[in-house]
Protein backbone atom coordinates (compact mmCIF):
# COMPACT_ATOMS: atom_id res chain seq x y z
CA MET A 1 -103.74 -26.35 72.05
CA SER A 2 -102.11 -27.87 69.01
CA HIS A 3 -101.32 -26.06 65.80
CA SER A 4 -99.97 -27.18 62.52
CA GLU A 5 -96.44 -26.51 61.41
CA ASP A 6 -97.56 -24.07 58.70
CA GLU A 7 -99.16 -21.69 61.25
CA ASP A 8 -96.72 -19.03 62.47
CA PRO A 9 -97.13 -18.34 66.22
CA ALA A 10 -95.88 -14.75 65.84
CA ALA A 11 -98.40 -14.06 63.07
CA LEU A 12 -101.18 -15.55 65.20
CA PHE A 13 -100.15 -13.34 68.13
CA ARG A 14 -100.11 -10.17 66.00
CA ALA A 15 -103.53 -11.07 64.59
CA ALA A 16 -104.89 -11.64 68.11
CA ILE A 17 -103.74 -8.33 69.63
CA GLY A 18 -104.43 -6.13 66.63
CA GLU A 19 -102.75 -2.84 65.74
CA VAL A 20 -100.47 -1.25 68.36
CA LYS A 21 -99.37 2.33 68.94
CA PRO A 22 -96.00 3.21 70.46
CA LEU A 23 -96.28 4.67 73.98
CA ARG A 24 -93.41 7.10 73.66
CA LYS A 25 -92.09 9.24 70.90
CA PRO A 26 -88.63 8.25 69.72
CA VAL A 27 -85.86 9.92 71.70
CA ALA A 28 -84.06 12.68 69.83
CA THR A 29 -80.41 12.04 69.21
CA PRO A 30 -78.12 13.80 71.68
CA PRO A 31 -76.00 16.68 70.41
CA SER A 32 -72.68 15.62 68.96
CA THR A 33 -70.61 17.62 71.47
CA PRO A 34 -71.54 17.71 75.17
CA ARG A 35 -72.20 21.05 76.81
CA PRO A 36 -69.37 22.36 78.99
CA LYS A 37 -69.79 22.01 82.73
CA PRO A 38 -70.75 25.26 84.46
CA ARG A 39 -67.98 27.09 86.33
CA ALA A 40 -68.13 29.48 89.23
CA ARG A 41 -66.33 32.24 87.34
CA MET A 42 -67.16 35.01 89.79
CA ALA A 43 -65.87 32.95 92.72
CA GLU A 44 -62.67 32.22 90.77
CA GLN A 45 -62.29 35.93 90.02
CA ASP A 46 -62.86 36.87 93.69
CA ASP A 47 -60.32 34.27 94.77
CA ALA A 48 -57.75 35.56 92.28
CA GLU A 49 -58.29 39.16 93.47
CA ALA A 50 -57.90 38.12 97.11
CA ARG A 51 -54.67 36.27 96.33
CA GLY A 52 -53.40 39.33 94.48
CA GLU A 53 -54.21 41.59 97.43
CA PHE A 54 -52.53 39.12 99.76
CA ALA A 55 -49.37 39.05 97.63
CA GLN A 56 -49.32 42.86 97.54
CA LEU A 57 -49.74 43.00 101.32
CA LEU A 58 -46.80 40.62 101.72
CA ARG A 59 -44.60 42.81 99.53
CA SER A 60 -45.64 46.15 101.04
CA SER A 61 -45.26 45.44 104.77
CA SER A 62 -42.07 45.02 106.73
CA PRO A 63 -41.42 41.29 107.13
CA LEU A 64 -40.86 39.46 110.38
CA GLU A 65 -37.32 38.26 111.04
CA ALA A 66 -36.39 34.73 112.16
CA GLY A 67 -36.41 35.50 115.89
CA ASP A 68 -39.35 37.93 115.86
CA THR A 69 -42.52 37.07 117.76
CA ALA A 70 -45.66 36.79 115.64
CA SER A 71 -48.62 38.16 117.56
CA TYR A 72 -52.17 39.28 116.78
CA ARG A 73 -55.33 39.79 118.84
CA ARG A 74 -58.80 40.93 117.83
CA GLU A 75 -60.15 43.82 119.89
CA ASN A 76 -63.15 41.84 121.14
CA LEU A 77 -60.98 39.03 122.59
CA PRO A 78 -60.47 39.46 126.34
CA ALA A 79 -56.87 40.20 127.33
CA ARG A 80 -56.94 37.31 129.81
CA MET A 81 -57.61 34.79 127.02
CA PHE A 82 -54.77 36.26 124.96
CA GLN A 83 -52.40 35.95 127.94
CA ARG A 84 -53.35 32.28 128.30
CA LEU A 85 -52.63 31.76 124.59
CA LYS A 86 -49.23 33.46 124.91
CA ARG A 87 -48.31 31.15 127.81
CA GLY A 88 -49.43 28.07 125.86
CA GLN A 89 -52.15 27.20 128.37
CA TYR A 90 -54.70 26.10 125.76
CA SER A 91 -54.80 22.47 124.67
CA VAL A 92 -53.67 22.19 121.05
CA GLN A 93 -56.25 20.12 119.19
CA ASP A 94 -54.51 19.84 115.82
CA GLU A 95 -51.18 20.74 114.24
CA LEU A 96 -49.88 21.62 110.77
CA ASP A 97 -46.18 21.41 109.88
CA LEU A 98 -45.26 23.52 106.84
CA HIS A 99 -41.54 22.62 106.77
CA GLY A 100 -40.35 22.05 103.21
CA ALA A 101 -43.44 23.54 101.53
CA THR A 102 -43.22 26.29 98.94
CA ALA A 103 -45.14 29.49 99.61
CA ALA A 104 -47.95 28.45 97.24
CA GLN A 105 -48.17 24.96 98.77
CA ALA A 106 -48.08 26.39 102.29
CA GLU A 107 -50.89 28.83 101.52
CA ASN A 108 -53.12 26.05 100.17
CA LEU A 109 -52.25 23.71 103.05
CA LEU A 110 -52.92 26.44 105.60
CA ARG A 111 -56.28 27.39 104.10
CA GLN A 112 -57.38 23.74 104.02
CA PHE A 113 -56.08 23.09 107.54
CA LEU A 114 -58.00 26.06 108.97
CA ALA A 115 -61.17 25.04 107.15
CA ASP A 116 -60.85 21.50 108.58
CA ALA A 117 -60.11 22.82 112.06
CA HIS A 118 -63.16 25.07 111.88
CA ALA A 119 -65.33 22.19 110.63
CA HIS A 120 -64.20 20.03 113.58
CA ASP A 121 -64.79 22.85 116.11
CA HIS A 122 -61.16 23.03 117.18
CA GLY A 123 -60.53 25.94 119.52
CA CYS A 124 -56.72 26.03 119.44
CA VAL A 125 -54.30 24.77 116.78
CA ARG A 126 -50.54 24.97 116.25
CA ILE A 127 -48.97 25.87 112.93
CA ILE A 128 -45.27 25.09 112.58
CA HIS A 129 -43.71 27.34 109.96
CA GLY A 130 -40.06 27.18 110.99
CA LYS A 131 -37.81 30.09 111.72
CA GLY A 132 -36.80 30.58 108.09
CA LEU A 133 -33.07 30.43 108.69
CA GLN A 134 -32.51 28.84 105.26
CA SER A 135 -34.79 31.29 103.41
CA ASP A 136 -33.37 33.16 100.44
CA GLY A 137 -33.03 36.87 101.02
CA GLY A 138 -33.01 36.53 104.80
CA ALA A 139 -36.72 37.06 105.54
CA PRO A 140 -38.55 33.89 106.59
CA VAL A 141 -41.09 33.31 103.82
CA LEU A 142 -43.43 30.83 105.54
CA LYS A 143 -43.42 32.72 108.83
CA ASN A 144 -44.50 35.94 107.09
CA LEU A 145 -47.03 34.09 104.96
CA VAL A 146 -48.66 32.52 108.03
CA ASP A 147 -48.65 35.87 109.87
CA ARG A 148 -50.35 37.76 107.02
CA LEU A 149 -52.84 35.03 106.17
CA LEU A 150 -54.00 34.55 109.77
CA ARG A 151 -54.55 38.30 110.20
CA GLN A 152 -57.00 38.30 107.27
CA ARG A 153 -59.19 35.44 108.44
CA ASN A 154 -62.48 36.06 110.25
CA ASP A 155 -62.31 32.75 112.10
CA VAL A 156 -58.98 33.63 113.78
CA LEU A 157 -59.46 35.37 117.13
CA ALA A 158 -55.77 35.58 118.02
CA PHE A 159 -52.39 34.03 117.43
CA HIS A 160 -49.02 34.22 119.11
CA SER A 161 -45.63 32.62 118.71
CA ALA A 162 -45.54 29.42 120.72
CA PRO A 163 -43.70 29.15 124.05
CA PRO A 164 -40.14 27.77 123.75
CA GLY A 165 -41.23 24.23 124.66
CA GLN A 166 -43.85 24.20 121.90
CA GLY A 167 -41.80 25.51 118.99
CA GLY A 168 -40.90 29.04 120.02
CA THR A 169 -40.75 31.58 117.21
CA GLY A 170 -40.87 28.73 114.67
CA ALA A 171 -44.55 28.04 115.42
CA VAL A 172 -47.73 29.89 116.28
CA LEU A 173 -50.63 28.96 118.50
CA VAL A 174 -53.92 30.01 116.94
CA LEU A 175 -57.16 30.62 118.82
CA LEU A 176 -60.16 29.98 116.55
CA ALA A 177 -63.72 31.27 116.77
CA ASN A 178 -66.60 28.84 117.19
CA ARG A 179 -68.90 28.19 114.25
């Protein structure tokens, strides 16, 4: 099909298809400032209250000394299982070393470690907190932090200071509940 130079192909096309209607309405302009992302404020508040209660519990109870044995057992755990834990007869499936961490860092590390251990179905883990011989004020900070935090957790069935060959009173063996 040949056409002369004075015929405009675009004009011919528009004449051939006729009048058109847009399919969609024009999109409204977005607001000038984006909306803030939603926050879990109640969860943050609950977490802050729990940390406050934990700090109060740490201050109000008599702290463990460097050579003291850390020990805890839930009532529903058979005594035989607890004796095996005390002797170090469970295979340790993971380990966390808190040496050099501040109390706040250690608390966060410990919470994350226990969550990971629970997610991987670990039955027994070792937490090395040290004896606290270089702690200010004499009381071992990390040892007491670990002791108090483990007592509050539902997934902890029992814990006991490790046998001498596995860290002694500078570490605890922790028996965890299944999911």
